[in-house]
Amino acid sequence: MTRLVALLRGVNVGNIKVRSADLAAMARDMGLEDVRTVLASGNLVFTADESPASLKRRIEKALRDTFGYDAWIVLTTADHVAAVIDAYPFEERDGYQPYVVFGSDQAVLDEIVEAASGLPEADEKVAPGDGVIYWECPRGSTVGTPFAKLIGKAKYRSTTTNRNLRTLRKLV
């Protein structure tokens, strides 16, 4: 059995409402064990013994069927999340948000990193990691920076999602 983390994309924003209790119930109904939700932003931690690819498809289908939206997740292990936290390359500092962009397609992450190198200068930092992109931006500018606008493009929505480093610490 493996401890896994499903990071849901785009929940509890706009018209997509997923209550934590309902998300946990859905996961238990799927046969997932030791289910826990973290915060109200689409974080599901559980134990399972199933191939990640199969499990990802099953969870996305269950989300569509249960909550009625076009669901995408990034599925990873709790150990990977812990390693990503430990490898955060920037010194945390006041006034800045430490983020990690998770991806389910390495080619997409590579494309984003390459595109980021051509962005206008901004008060933010971006660095590639193991299945992630590390990102730091000024607090309050999460959607307005050049990198934020890049990762917000529709073509990346089905394979990426980002989390604050503090949220990730709560997940593990």
N, C-alpha and C. Protein backbone atom coordinates (compact mmCIF):
# COMPACT_ATOMS: atom_id res chain seq x y z
N MET A 1 0.85 -1.19 0.00
CA MET A 1 0.00 0.00 0.00
C MET A 1 0.89 1.25 0.00
N THR A 2 0.47 2.23 -0.78
CA THR A 2 1.24 3.46 -0.93
C THR A 2 0.40 4.63 -0.46
N ARG A 3 1.05 5.56 0.23
CA ARG A 3 0.40 6.80 0.65
C ARG A 3 0.47 7.76 -0.53
N LEU A 4 -0.68 8.19 -1.02
CA LEU A 4 -0.78 9.01 -2.22
C LEU A 4 -1.43 10.35 -1.93
N VAL A 5 -1.18 11.30 -2.82
CA VAL A 5 -1.76 12.63 -2.72
C VAL A 5 -2.37 12.97 -4.07
N ALA A 6 -3.66 13.28 -4.08
CA ALA A 6 -4.33 13.76 -5.28
C ALA A 6 -4.55 15.26 -5.12
N LEU A 7 -4.00 16.01 -6.05
CA LEU A 7 -4.14 17.46 -6.06
C LEU A 7 -5.14 17.82 -7.14
N LEU A 8 -6.33 18.23 -6.72
CA LEU A 8 -7.39 18.56 -7.66
C LEU A 8 -7.14 19.94 -8.24
N ARG A 9 -7.47 20.10 -9.50
CA ARG A 9 -7.27 21.37 -10.19
C ARG A 9 -8.58 22.16 -10.21
N GLY A 10 -8.53 23.43 -9.79
CA GLY A 10 -9.63 24.35 -10.00
C GLY A 10 -10.90 24.11 -9.21
N VAL A 11 -10.79 23.58 -8.00
CA VAL A 11 -12.01 23.38 -7.20
C VAL A 11 -12.19 24.53 -6.23
N ASN A 12 -13.46 24.76 -5.89
CA ASN A 12 -13.87 25.82 -4.97
C ASN A 12 -13.47 27.21 -5.47
N VAL A 13 -13.47 27.32 -6.80
CA VAL A 13 -13.35 28.61 -7.47
C VAL A 13 -14.41 28.61 -8.56
N GLY A 14 -14.92 29.76 -8.88
CA GLY A 14 -15.96 29.81 -9.91
C GLY A 14 -17.17 29.00 -9.48
N ASN A 15 -17.68 28.19 -10.37
CA ASN A 15 -18.89 27.42 -10.10
C ASN A 15 -18.60 25.99 -9.65
N ILE A 16 -17.35 25.67 -9.40
CA ILE A 16 -17.00 24.30 -9.02
C ILE A 16 -16.85 24.23 -7.51
N LYS A 17 -17.84 23.63 -6.85
CA LYS A 17 -17.83 23.52 -5.39
C LYS A 17 -17.68 22.06 -5.01
N VAL A 18 -16.63 21.77 -4.25
CA VAL A 18 -16.37 20.42 -3.77
C VAL A 18 -16.11 20.52 -2.27
N ARG A 19 -17.09 20.12 -1.48
CA ARG A 19 -16.92 20.14 -0.03
C ARG A 19 -15.99 19.01 0.38
N SER A 20 -15.15 19.29 1.35
CA SER A 20 -14.17 18.31 1.82
C SER A 20 -14.83 17.01 2.27
N ALA A 21 -15.92 17.11 3.00
CA ALA A 21 -16.61 15.91 3.49
C ALA A 21 -17.12 15.07 2.32
N ASP A 22 -17.64 15.73 1.28
CA ASP A 22 -18.13 15.01 0.11
C ASP A 22 -16.98 14.37 -0.68
N LEU A 23 -15.86 15.08 -0.76
CA LEU A 23 -14.68 14.54 -1.44
C LEU A 23 -14.17 13.29 -0.70
N ALA A 24 -14.11 13.37 0.60
CA ALA A 24 -13.66 12.22 1.40
C ALA A 24 -14.62 11.04 1.24
N ALA A 25 -15.91 11.31 1.24
CA ALA A 25 -16.90 10.24 1.07
C ALA A 25 -16.75 9.59 -0.30
N MET A 26 -16.55 10.39 -1.34
CA MET A 26 -16.34 9.84 -2.68
C MET A 26 -15.13 8.91 -2.69
N ALA A 27 -14.04 9.35 -2.08
CA ALA A 27 -12.81 8.55 -2.05
C ALA A 27 -13.03 7.23 -1.31
N ARG A 28 -13.72 7.29 -0.20
CA ARG A 28 -14.01 6.05 0.55
C ARG A 28 -14.90 5.11 -0.26
N ASP A 29 -15.89 5.69 -0.95
CA ASP A 29 -16.77 4.88 -1.81
C ASP A 29 -15.99 4.20 -2.93
N MET A 30 -14.87 4.78 -3.34
CA MET A 30 -14.02 4.19 -4.38
C MET A 30 -13.15 3.06 -3.83
N GLY A 31 -13.16 2.88 -2.52
CA GLY A 31 -12.32 1.85 -1.91
C GLY A 31 -10.96 2.34 -1.46
N LEU A 32 -10.74 3.65 -1.48
CA LEU A 32 -9.48 4.19 -1.00
C LEU A 32 -9.48 4.14 0.53
N GLU A 33 -8.30 4.00 1.10
CA GLU A 33 -8.20 3.82 2.55
C GLU A 33 -7.48 4.98 3.20
N ASP A 34 -7.67 5.11 4.52
CA ASP A 34 -6.99 6.16 5.30
C ASP A 34 -7.17 7.53 4.65
N VAL A 35 -8.38 7.84 4.24
CA VAL A 35 -8.69 9.05 3.49
C VAL A 35 -8.67 10.27 4.41
N ARG A 36 -8.03 11.32 3.90
CA ARG A 36 -7.99 12.59 4.62
C ARG A 36 -8.00 13.71 3.60
N THR A 37 -8.77 14.76 3.85
CA THR A 37 -8.72 15.96 3.02
C THR A 37 -7.97 17.03 3.80
N VAL A 38 -7.31 17.91 3.07
CA VAL A 38 -6.53 18.96 3.70
C VAL A 38 -6.95 20.30 3.10
N LEU A 39 -7.43 21.17 3.94
CA LEU A 39 -7.95 22.48 3.54
C LEU A 39 -9.10 22.29 2.55
N ALA A 40 -9.67 23.37 2.10
CA ALA A 40 -10.81 23.28 1.19
C ALA A 40 -10.40 23.63 -0.23
N SER A 41 -9.20 23.20 -0.61
CA SER A 41 -8.71 23.56 -1.93
C SER A 41 -8.38 22.36 -2.80
N GLY A 42 -9.03 21.22 -2.51
CA GLY A 42 -8.86 20.06 -3.38
C GLY A 42 -7.61 19.25 -3.13
N ASN A 43 -7.38 18.90 -1.88
CA ASN A 43 -6.23 18.08 -1.51
C ASN A 43 -6.73 16.81 -0.84
N LEU A 44 -6.41 15.68 -1.43
CA LEU A 44 -6.88 14.39 -0.94
C LEU A 44 -5.67 13.51 -0.70
N VAL A 45 -5.56 13.01 0.53
CA VAL A 45 -4.47 12.12 0.91
C VAL A 45 -5.10 10.78 1.27
N PHE A 46 -4.51 9.69 0.79
CA PHE A 46 -5.11 8.37 1.00
C PHE A 46 -4.08 7.29 0.78
N THR A 47 -4.48 6.07 1.06
CA THR A 47 -3.65 4.90 0.82
C THR A 47 -4.34 4.01 -0.20
N ALA A 48 -3.56 3.47 -1.13
CA ALA A 48 -4.12 2.58 -2.16
C ALA A 48 -3.03 1.66 -2.68
N ASP A 49 -3.48 0.58 -3.28
CA ASP A 49 -2.56 -0.37 -3.91
C ASP A 49 -3.06 -0.59 -5.33
N GLU A 50 -2.80 0.39 -6.18
CA GLU A 50 -3.28 0.36 -7.56
C GLU A 50 -2.30 1.18 -8.40
N SER A 51 -2.20 0.88 -9.66
CA SER A 51 -1.27 1.62 -10.51
C SER A 51 -1.70 3.10 -10.55
N PRO A 52 -0.74 4.01 -10.50
CA PRO A 52 -1.09 5.43 -10.52
C PRO A 52 -1.91 5.84 -11.74
N ALA A 53 -1.60 5.33 -12.91
CA ALA A 53 -2.34 5.71 -14.11
C ALA A 53 -3.81 5.31 -14.01
N SER A 54 -4.05 4.08 -13.57
CA SER A 54 -5.42 3.60 -13.41
C SER A 54 -6.16 4.39 -12.34
N LEU A 55 -5.48 4.63 -11.24
CA LEU A 55 -6.09 5.37 -10.13
C LEU A 55 -6.41 6.81 -10.53
N LYS A 56 -5.54 7.45 -11.25
CA LYS A 56 -5.78 8.82 -11.72
C LYS A 56 -7.06 8.87 -12.57
N ARG A 57 -7.17 7.93 -13.51
CA ARG A 57 -8.38 7.89 -14.36
C ARG A 57 -9.64 7.64 -13.52
N ARG A 58 -9.55 6.73 -12.57
CA ARG A 58 -10.73 6.43 -11.73
C ARG A 58 -11.15 7.62 -10.87
N ILE A 59 -10.17 8.32 -10.30
CA ILE A 59 -10.49 9.48 -9.47
C ILE A 59 -11.10 10.59 -10.31
N GLU A 60 -10.52 10.87 -11.48
CA GLU A 60 -11.07 11.91 -12.34
C GLU A 60 -12.49 11.58 -12.78
N LYS A 61 -12.76 10.32 -13.08
CA LYS A 61 -14.11 9.91 -13.46
C LYS A 61 -15.07 10.07 -12.28
N ALA A 62 -14.64 9.65 -11.11
CA ALA A 62 -15.49 9.77 -9.91
C ALA A 62 -15.79 11.24 -9.62
N LEU A 63 -14.81 12.11 -9.79
CA LEU A 63 -15.04 13.54 -9.58
C LEU A 63 -16.06 14.07 -10.58
N ARG A 64 -15.92 13.67 -11.85
CA ARG A 64 -16.88 14.11 -12.87
C ARG A 64 -18.28 13.62 -12.53
N ASP A 65 -18.37 12.34 -12.17
CA ASP A 65 -19.68 11.74 -11.89
C ASP A 65 -20.30 12.32 -10.62
N THR A 66 -19.49 12.56 -9.60
CA THR A 66 -20.00 13.02 -8.30
C THR A 66 -20.28 14.51 -8.27
N PHE A 67 -19.38 15.30 -8.85
CA PHE A 67 -19.48 16.75 -8.71
C PHE A 67 -19.84 17.48 -10.01
N GLY A 68 -19.87 16.75 -11.13
CA GLY A 68 -20.35 17.32 -12.38
C GLY A 68 -19.47 18.39 -13.01
N TYR A 69 -18.18 18.19 -12.96
CA TYR A 69 -17.29 19.13 -13.63
C TYR A 69 -16.17 18.37 -14.34
N ASP A 70 -15.49 19.03 -15.26
CA ASP A 70 -14.41 18.43 -16.01
C ASP A 70 -13.18 18.36 -15.13
N ALA A 71 -13.00 17.24 -14.44
CA ALA A 71 -12.02 17.11 -13.37
C ALA A 71 -10.66 16.67 -13.87
N TRP A 72 -9.61 17.32 -13.33
CA TRP A 72 -8.23 16.92 -13.58
C TRP A 72 -7.51 16.89 -12.24
N ILE A 73 -6.65 15.91 -12.08
CA ILE A 73 -5.83 15.85 -10.88
C ILE A 73 -4.38 15.60 -11.26
N VAL A 74 -3.51 15.94 -10.35
CA VAL A 74 -2.13 15.47 -10.40
C VAL A 74 -2.02 14.50 -9.24
N LEU A 75 -1.61 13.29 -9.53
CA LEU A 75 -1.49 12.24 -8.53
C LEU A 75 -0.02 11.96 -8.28
N THR A 76 0.37 12.00 -7.02
CA THR A 76 1.75 11.75 -6.65
C THR A 76 1.78 11.04 -5.31
N THR A 77 2.95 10.70 -4.84
CA THR A 77 3.07 10.03 -3.55
C THR A 77 3.37 11.06 -2.46
N ALA A 78 3.03 10.69 -1.23
CA ALA A 78 3.36 11.55 -0.09
C ALA A 78 4.87 11.69 0.03
N ASP A 79 5.60 10.63 -0.28
CA ASP A 79 7.07 10.71 -0.24
C ASP A 79 7.60 11.72 -1.25
N HIS A 80 7.00 11.75 -2.44
CA HIS A 80 7.42 12.71 -3.46
C HIS A 80 7.14 14.14 -2.98
N VAL A 81 5.98 14.36 -2.39
CA VAL A 81 5.65 15.70 -1.88
C VAL A 81 6.67 16.12 -0.82
N ALA A 82 7.03 15.20 0.08
CA ALA A 82 8.02 15.51 1.11
C ALA A 82 9.37 15.87 0.47
N ALA A 83 9.77 15.12 -0.54
CA ALA A 83 11.04 15.40 -1.23
C ALA A 83 11.00 16.74 -1.95
N VAL A 84 9.86 17.08 -2.53
CA VAL A 84 9.69 18.37 -3.22
C VAL A 84 9.83 19.51 -2.21
N ILE A 85 9.24 19.36 -1.04
CA ILE A 85 9.36 20.38 0.01
C ILE A 85 10.83 20.54 0.40
N ASP A 86 11.49 19.44 0.65
CA ASP A 86 12.90 19.49 1.07
C ASP A 86 13.79 20.13 0.01
N ALA A 87 13.42 20.00 -1.25
CA ALA A 87 14.25 20.52 -2.34
C ALA A 87 13.89 21.95 -2.76
N TYR A 88 12.96 22.59 -2.06
CA TYR A 88 12.56 23.95 -2.44
C TYR A 88 13.81 24.82 -2.53
N PRO A 89 14.09 25.39 -3.71
CA PRO A 89 15.40 26.01 -3.94
C PRO A 89 15.55 27.46 -3.48
N PHE A 90 14.46 28.10 -3.10
CA PHE A 90 14.53 29.51 -2.75
C PHE A 90 14.43 29.69 -1.24
N GLU A 91 15.11 30.68 -0.73
CA GLU A 91 14.98 31.00 0.68
C GLU A 91 13.62 31.67 0.88
N GLU A 92 12.85 31.14 1.82
CA GLU A 92 11.55 31.75 2.08
C GLU A 92 11.76 33.11 2.73
N ARG A 93 11.00 34.10 2.25
CA ARG A 93 11.18 35.45 2.76
C ARG A 93 9.83 36.15 2.90
N ASP A 94 9.79 37.09 3.81
CA ASP A 94 8.57 37.86 4.05
C ASP A 94 8.15 38.59 2.79
N GLY A 95 6.85 38.63 2.58
CA GLY A 95 6.31 39.36 1.44
C GLY A 95 6.25 38.56 0.15
N TYR A 96 6.67 37.29 0.20
CA TYR A 96 6.67 36.45 -1.00
C TYR A 96 5.94 35.14 -0.74
N GLN A 97 5.32 34.63 -1.79
CA GLN A 97 4.61 33.35 -1.73
C GLN A 97 5.49 32.25 -2.31
N PRO A 98 5.72 31.18 -1.56
CA PRO A 98 6.47 30.04 -2.09
C PRO A 98 5.51 29.01 -2.68
N TYR A 99 5.57 28.80 -3.99
CA TYR A 99 4.67 27.88 -4.67
C TYR A 99 5.43 26.74 -5.33
N VAL A 100 4.68 25.66 -5.55
CA VAL A 100 5.18 24.54 -6.33
C VAL A 100 4.10 24.19 -7.35
N VAL A 101 4.48 24.16 -8.63
CA VAL A 101 3.57 23.76 -9.70
C VAL A 101 3.82 22.28 -9.97
N PHE A 102 2.82 21.46 -9.74
CA PHE A 102 2.91 20.02 -9.99
C PHE A 102 2.36 19.74 -11.38
N GLY A 103 2.93 18.74 -12.03
CA GLY A 103 2.45 18.38 -13.36
C GLY A 103 2.35 16.88 -13.53
N SER A 104 1.40 16.48 -14.33
CA SER A 104 1.25 15.06 -14.64
C SER A 104 1.88 14.69 -15.98
N ASP A 105 2.50 15.67 -16.65
CA ASP A 105 3.15 15.43 -17.93
C ASP A 105 4.47 16.20 -17.94
N GLN A 106 5.59 15.48 -17.87
CA GLN A 106 6.90 16.13 -17.80
C GLN A 106 7.17 17.00 -19.01
N ALA A 107 6.69 16.60 -20.18
CA ALA A 107 6.91 17.42 -21.39
C ALA A 107 6.25 18.79 -21.24
N VAL A 108 5.09 18.83 -20.61
CA VAL A 108 4.41 20.11 -20.38
C VAL A 108 5.22 20.97 -19.40
N LEU A 109 5.71 20.35 -18.33
CA LEU A 109 6.54 21.11 -17.38
C LEU A 109 7.78 21.67 -18.06
N ASP A 110 8.41 20.85 -18.91
CA ASP A 110 9.59 21.32 -19.65
C ASP A 110 9.24 22.49 -20.57
N GLU A 111 8.09 22.39 -21.22
CA GLU A 111 7.64 23.48 -22.10
C GLU A 111 7.42 24.77 -21.31
N ILE A 112 6.83 24.64 -20.12
CA ILE A 112 6.58 25.82 -19.29
C ILE A 112 7.90 26.46 -18.85
N VAL A 113 8.84 25.64 -18.41
CA VAL A 113 10.13 26.16 -17.97
C VAL A 113 10.83 26.88 -19.13
N GLU A 114 10.78 26.28 -20.32
CA GLU A 114 11.40 26.92 -21.49
C GLU A 114 10.72 28.24 -21.81
N ALA A 115 9.39 28.25 -21.79
CA ALA A 115 8.65 29.48 -22.08
C ALA A 115 8.92 30.55 -21.01
N ALA A 116 9.11 30.13 -19.77
CA ALA A 116 9.36 31.07 -18.69
C ALA A 116 10.68 31.81 -18.87
N SER A 117 11.62 31.17 -19.53
CA SER A 117 12.92 31.82 -19.73
C SER A 117 12.80 33.05 -20.63
N GLY A 118 11.75 33.13 -21.41
CA GLY A 118 11.55 34.26 -22.31
C GLY A 118 10.58 35.30 -21.78
N LEU A 119 10.14 35.15 -20.55
CA LEU A 119 9.18 36.10 -19.99
C LEU A 119 9.86 37.42 -19.62
N PRO A 120 9.09 38.49 -19.59
CA PRO A 120 9.65 39.77 -19.16
C PRO A 120 10.16 39.67 -17.72
N GLU A 121 11.15 40.49 -17.39
CA GLU A 121 11.68 40.52 -16.02
C GLU A 121 10.54 40.85 -15.05
N ALA A 122 10.53 40.15 -13.95
CA ALA A 122 9.53 40.40 -12.91
C ALA A 122 10.16 40.03 -11.57
N ASP A 123 9.52 40.44 -10.51
CA ASP A 123 10.01 40.14 -9.17
C ASP A 123 9.51 38.77 -8.74
N GLU A 124 9.93 37.75 -9.48
CA GLU A 124 9.56 36.38 -9.17
C GLU A 124 10.69 35.46 -9.61
N LYS A 125 10.70 34.27 -9.03
CA LYS A 125 11.73 33.28 -9.37
C LYS A 125 11.05 32.00 -9.82
N VAL A 126 11.67 31.30 -10.78
CA VAL A 126 11.16 30.04 -11.30
C VAL A 126 12.34 29.10 -11.46
N ALA A 127 12.15 27.83 -11.03
CA ALA A 127 13.21 26.82 -11.19
C ALA A 127 12.57 25.45 -11.38
N PRO A 128 13.14 24.63 -12.28
CA PRO A 128 12.61 23.27 -12.46
C PRO A 128 12.99 22.38 -11.30
N GLY A 129 12.16 21.36 -11.06
CA GLY A 129 12.43 20.36 -10.04
C GLY A 129 12.00 19.00 -10.53
N ASP A 130 11.93 18.03 -9.64
CA ASP A 130 11.56 16.66 -9.96
C ASP A 130 10.04 16.55 -10.11
N GLY A 131 9.56 16.65 -11.34
CA GLY A 131 8.12 16.57 -11.60
C GLY A 131 7.36 17.81 -11.18
N VAL A 132 8.10 18.90 -10.93
CA VAL A 132 7.49 20.14 -10.47
C VAL A 132 8.25 21.33 -11.03
N ILE A 133 7.66 22.49 -10.85
CA ILE A 133 8.34 23.76 -11.09
C ILE A 133 8.19 24.57 -9.80
N TYR A 134 9.30 25.04 -9.28
CA TYR A 134 9.28 25.89 -8.10
C TYR A 134 9.07 27.33 -8.55
N TRP A 135 8.28 28.06 -7.74
CA TRP A 135 7.94 29.43 -8.13
C TRP A 135 7.79 30.28 -6.88
N GLU A 136 8.37 31.45 -6.92
CA GLU A 136 8.21 32.41 -5.84
C GLU A 136 7.77 33.73 -6.46
N CYS A 137 6.74 34.33 -5.87
CA CYS A 137 6.26 35.62 -6.37
C CYS A 137 5.86 36.50 -5.19
N PRO A 138 5.79 37.80 -5.41
CA PRO A 138 5.36 38.68 -4.34
C PRO A 138 3.94 38.34 -3.88
N ARG A 139 3.74 38.36 -2.58
CA ARG A 139 2.42 38.10 -2.01
C ARG A 139 1.41 39.08 -2.63
N GLY A 140 0.26 38.55 -3.01
CA GLY A 140 -0.79 39.38 -3.59
C GLY A 140 -0.72 39.49 -5.11
N SER A 141 0.30 38.87 -5.71
CA SER A 141 0.42 38.97 -7.18
C SER A 141 0.29 37.62 -7.86
N THR A 142 -0.30 36.67 -7.18
CA THR A 142 -0.34 35.30 -7.65
C THR A 142 -0.93 35.12 -9.04
N VAL A 143 -1.86 35.95 -9.43
CA VAL A 143 -2.46 35.79 -10.76
C VAL A 143 -1.98 36.84 -11.76
N GLY A 144 -1.20 37.81 -11.32
CA GLY A 144 -0.84 38.91 -12.20
C GLY A 144 0.58 38.92 -12.74
N THR A 145 1.44 38.03 -12.26
CA THR A 145 2.82 38.05 -12.74
C THR A 145 2.92 37.39 -14.11
N PRO A 146 4.01 37.65 -14.82
CA PRO A 146 4.18 36.99 -16.12
C PRO A 146 4.12 35.46 -16.03
N PHE A 147 4.74 34.87 -15.00
CA PHE A 147 4.71 33.42 -14.88
C PHE A 147 3.30 32.93 -14.55
N ALA A 148 2.60 33.65 -13.69
CA ALA A 148 1.22 33.28 -13.35
C ALA A 148 0.34 33.26 -14.60
N LYS A 149 0.51 34.24 -15.45
CA LYS A 149 -0.28 34.29 -16.68
C LYS A 149 0.10 33.14 -17.61
N LEU A 150 1.38 32.78 -17.61
CA LEU A 150 1.82 31.65 -18.44
C LEU A 150 1.17 30.35 -17.97
N ILE A 151 1.26 30.03 -16.67
CA ILE A 151 0.72 28.75 -16.20
C ILE A 151 -0.81 28.75 -16.16
N GLY A 152 -1.41 29.92 -16.26
CA GLY A 152 -2.86 30.00 -16.29
C GLY A 152 -3.48 29.73 -17.65
N LYS A 153 -2.64 29.53 -18.66
CA LYS A 153 -3.15 29.28 -20.02
C LYS A 153 -3.98 27.99 -20.04
N ALA A 154 -5.03 28.01 -20.82
CA ALA A 154 -5.94 26.87 -20.91
C ALA A 154 -5.23 25.57 -21.28
N LYS A 155 -4.21 25.65 -22.11
CA LYS A 155 -3.56 24.42 -22.57
C LYS A 155 -2.82 23.69 -21.46
N TYR A 156 -2.58 24.34 -20.32
CA TYR A 156 -1.88 23.69 -19.21
C TYR A 156 -2.82 23.21 -18.10
N ARG A 157 -4.08 23.55 -18.19
CA ARG A 157 -5.01 23.25 -17.10
C ARG A 157 -5.21 21.77 -16.83
N SER A 158 -5.16 20.95 -17.84
CA SER A 158 -5.45 19.53 -17.62
C SER A 158 -4.27 18.76 -17.02
N THR A 159 -3.09 19.38 -16.96
CA THR A 159 -1.93 18.64 -16.48
C THR A 159 -1.16 19.32 -15.35
N THR A 160 -1.57 20.52 -14.95
CA THR A 160 -0.84 21.22 -13.88
C THR A 160 -1.76 21.75 -12.81
N THR A 161 -1.20 21.90 -11.63
CA THR A 161 -1.87 22.59 -10.53
C THR A 161 -0.79 23.06 -9.58
N ASN A 162 -1.04 24.15 -8.88
CA ASN A 162 -0.01 24.64 -7.98
C ASN A 162 -0.52 24.68 -6.54
N ARG A 163 0.44 24.58 -5.63
CA ARG A 163 0.15 24.63 -4.21
C ARG A 163 1.20 25.48 -3.51
N ASN A 164 0.75 26.16 -2.48
CA ASN A 164 1.64 26.91 -1.61
C ASN A 164 2.45 25.92 -0.78
N LEU A 165 3.67 26.26 -0.48
CA LEU A 165 4.54 25.39 0.30
C LEU A 165 3.95 25.06 1.67
N ARG A 166 3.24 26.00 2.27
CA ARG A 166 2.61 25.74 3.58
C ARG A 166 1.53 24.66 3.46
N THR A 167 0.77 24.69 2.37
CA THR A 167 -0.23 23.65 2.15
C THR A 167 0.43 22.29 2.00
N LEU A 168 1.52 22.25 1.25
CA LEU A 168 2.22 20.98 1.05
C LEU A 168 2.73 20.42 2.37
N ARG A 169 3.20 21.27 3.23
CA ARG A 169 3.66 20.80 4.55
C ARG A 169 2.51 20.18 5.33
N LYS A 170 1.32 20.73 5.20
CA LYS A 170 0.15 20.16 5.87
C LYS A 170 -0.22 18.81 5.27
N LEU A 171 0.03 18.64 3.98
CA LEU A 171 -0.30 17.37 3.31
C LEU A 171 0.54 16.22 3.84
N VAL A 172 1.81 16.48 4.16
CA VAL A 172 2.67 15.41 4.63
C VAL A 172 2.73 15.36 6.15
